[in-house]
Protein backbone atom coordinates (compact mmCIF):
# COMPACT_ATOMS: atom_id res chain seq x y z
CA MET A 1 -63.17 -30.88 -49.58
CA THR A 2 -62.55 -28.32 -46.95
CA SER A 3 -59.12 -27.12 -46.22
CA SER A 4 -57.97 -26.02 -42.83
CA PRO A 5 -56.74 -22.49 -42.52
CA VAL A 6 -52.95 -22.13 -42.54
CA THR A 7 -51.49 -19.79 -39.96
CA THR A 8 -48.14 -18.13 -40.35
CA LYS A 9 -45.81 -16.49 -37.84
CA ALA A 10 -47.12 -13.12 -38.89
CA ASP A 11 -50.65 -14.26 -38.04
CA ARG A 12 -49.53 -15.31 -34.56
CA GLY A 13 -47.89 -11.95 -33.88
CA THR A 14 -44.41 -13.32 -33.19
CA GLY A 15 -42.62 -12.01 -36.25
CA ASN A 16 -38.82 -12.14 -35.96
CA ALA A 17 -38.71 -11.58 -32.19
CA PHE A 18 -37.08 -13.91 -29.66
CA SER A 19 -39.29 -16.00 -27.48
CA MET A 20 -39.04 -15.55 -23.70
CA ILE A 21 -37.23 -18.90 -23.35
CA GLU A 22 -34.62 -17.96 -25.94
CA MET A 23 -34.02 -14.65 -24.19
CA LEU A 24 -33.58 -16.34 -20.79
CA ILE A 25 -31.12 -18.84 -22.27
CA VAL A 26 -29.04 -16.05 -23.81
CA ILE A 27 -28.97 -14.14 -20.51
CA ALA A 28 -27.96 -17.29 -18.59
CA VAL A 29 -25.11 -18.04 -21.02
CA ILE A 30 -23.82 -14.46 -20.79
CA GLY A 31 -23.97 -14.66 -16.97
CA ILE A 32 -22.01 -17.92 -16.89
CA MET A 33 -19.38 -16.61 -19.29
CA SER A 34 -18.93 -13.36 -17.34
CA ALA A 35 -18.53 -15.32 -14.08
CA LEU A 36 -15.78 -17.42 -15.68
CA VAL A 37 -13.95 -14.35 -16.99
CA ILE A 38 -14.11 -12.54 -13.64
CA SER A 39 -12.83 -15.66 -11.88
CA ALA A 40 -9.95 -15.98 -14.34
CA PHE A 41 -8.90 -12.35 -13.80
CA SER A 42 -9.08 -12.76 -10.03
CA ASN A 43 -6.89 -15.87 -10.16
CA ALA A 44 -4.41 -14.13 -12.46
CA ALA A 45 -4.05 -11.21 -10.03
CA GLU A 46 -3.43 -13.59 -7.13
CA ASP A 47 -0.88 -15.57 -9.14
CA THR A 48 0.90 -12.34 -10.08
CA ARG A 49 1.16 -11.35 -6.41
CA ARG A 50 2.65 -14.75 -5.57
CA VAL A 51 5.26 -14.40 -8.32
CA ILE A 52 6.17 -10.90 -7.13
CA ALA A 53 6.47 -12.16 -3.55
CA ARG A 54 8.87 -14.94 -4.64
CA GLN A 55 10.93 -12.45 -6.64
CA GLN A 56 11.15 -10.15 -3.62
CA GLN A 57 12.19 -13.07 -1.44
CA ALA A 58 14.91 -13.95 -3.95
CA ALA A 59 16.13 -10.34 -4.11
CA VAL A 60 16.40 -10.09 -0.31
CA GLN A 61 18.12 -13.50 -0.15
CA SER A 62 20.64 -12.32 -2.78
CA ALA A 63 21.31 -9.20 -0.68
CA VAL A 64 21.86 -11.37 2.42
CA ASN A 65 24.24 -13.62 0.47
CA ALA A 66 26.21 -10.63 -0.86
CA TRP A 67 26.42 -9.08 2.61
CA VAL A 68 27.57 -12.36 4.21
CA ASN A 69 30.19 -12.80 1.48
CA SER A 70 31.49 -9.27 1.88
CA VAL A 71 31.65 -9.26 5.69
CA SER A 72 33.01 -12.80 5.99
CA GLN A 73 35.83 -12.08 3.53
CA GLU A 74 36.92 -9.11 5.57
CA HIS A 75 36.17 -10.27 9.14
CA GLY A 76 35.39 -13.99 8.99
CA LEU A 77 32.16 -15.97 8.99
CA ALA A 78 31.79 -15.96 12.78
CA GLU A 79 31.87 -12.15 12.83
CA ALA A 80 29.32 -11.98 10.00
CA ARG A 81 27.02 -14.28 11.99
CA ARG A 82 27.50 -12.21 15.14
CA ARG A 83 26.65 -8.93 13.36
CA TYR A 84 23.66 -10.48 11.59
CA ASN A 85 22.21 -11.82 14.83
CA LEU A 86 22.94 -8.56 16.70
CA ALA A 87 20.59 -6.78 14.29
CA GLY A 88 17.90 -8.46 16.40
CA SER A 89 14.86 -8.47 14.11
CA SER A 90 13.90 -9.07 10.51
CA LYS A 91 13.62 -5.33 9.93
CA GLY A 92 17.03 -4.74 11.55
CA ARG A 93 18.61 -7.47 9.42
CA LEU A 94 17.01 -6.01 6.29
CA GLN A 95 18.53 -2.62 7.14
CA LEU A 96 21.87 -4.33 7.74
CA VAL A 97 21.91 -5.85 4.22
CA GLY A 98 20.08 -2.89 2.66
CA ALA A 99 23.17 -1.62 0.86
CA TYR A 100 22.94 -4.73 -1.34
CA LEU A 101 19.32 -4.02 -2.38
CA ASP A 102 18.28 -1.31 -4.79
CA GLU A 103 17.13 1.82 -2.98
CA SER A 104 13.50 1.73 -4.15
CA SER A 105 13.04 -1.88 -2.99
CA LEU A 106 14.55 -1.13 0.41
CA ASN A 107 12.39 1.97 0.84
CA HIS A 108 9.30 -0.01 -0.21
CA PHE A 109 9.97 -2.72 2.41
CA LEU A 110 10.69 -0.16 5.13
CA SER A 111 7.80 2.21 4.37
CA PRO A 112 5.42 2.76 7.32
CA SER A 113 2.45 1.35 5.37
CA ASN A 114 4.28 -2.00 5.02
CA THR A 115 5.64 -2.16 8.57
CA VAL A 116 3.53 -4.14 11.05
CA ASN A 117 6.23 -5.11 13.51
CA ALA A 118 10.00 -5.48 13.47
CA ASN A 119 9.93 -9.23 12.78
CA GLU A 120 7.72 -9.01 9.68
CA VAL A 121 9.05 -7.46 6.50
CA ARG A 122 6.23 -6.75 4.05
CA SER A 123 5.66 -5.32 0.62
CA ALA A 124 2.36 -4.38 -1.00
CA ALA A 125 2.16 -7.78 -2.73
CA LEU A 126 2.96 -9.67 0.47
CA ARG A 127 0.43 -7.61 2.43
CA LYS A 128 -2.33 -8.44 -0.06
CA LEU A 129 -1.44 -12.14 0.25
CA GLY A 130 -1.42 -11.90 4.06
CA GLN A 131 2.25 -12.95 4.15
CA HIS A 132 5.59 -11.48 5.19
CA LEU A 133 9.31 -12.12 4.88
CA SER A 134 11.26 -13.38 7.88
CA LEU A 135 15.00 -13.03 8.30
CA ASN A 136 15.47 -15.44 11.19
CA THR A 137 18.41 -15.87 13.55
CA TRP A 138 21.46 -17.42 11.93
CA SER A 139 22.58 -20.51 13.85
CA ALA A 140 26.11 -21.88 13.69
CA ALA A 141 25.03 -25.00 11.78
CA SER A 142 23.13 -23.18 9.05
CA TYR A 143 23.12 -20.23 6.67
CA PRO A 144 20.81 -17.20 6.95
CA LYS A 145 17.59 -17.78 5.03
CA VAL A 146 14.85 -15.43 3.95
CA GLU A 147 11.49 -17.17 4.31
CA ILE A 148 7.95 -16.29 3.27
CA ASN A 149 5.46 -16.85 6.08
């Protein structure tokens, strides 16, 4: 009876090394995982900018509300509306209510790098989102609103 020769991994020269297929699979899995992580970080940064933009909108709206309350108590609501609308632009209205914002926020909004035109109030977060705050004209049938556009 003749026996066939038995070959081992050592005889084939493979030893403990990875095969080419195994290596390609590992590289593909690492590539997919890194793409998912990078995407998650990118989305998180964008979400953070949106949250900051909403907080800035709320802060400016609170300043507008405080200014309207202060001026209307002393001079009446019609006079508050007249002064607000006389400011003429979003930037002018922001300067009008600026005393009710903290100084660093006001300076940030009014800095030359964030100023495109007088009707668009921007911050770094809003600029990166391609948005701006608008302080529109206050009509008699409404209340002044700060909007993100």
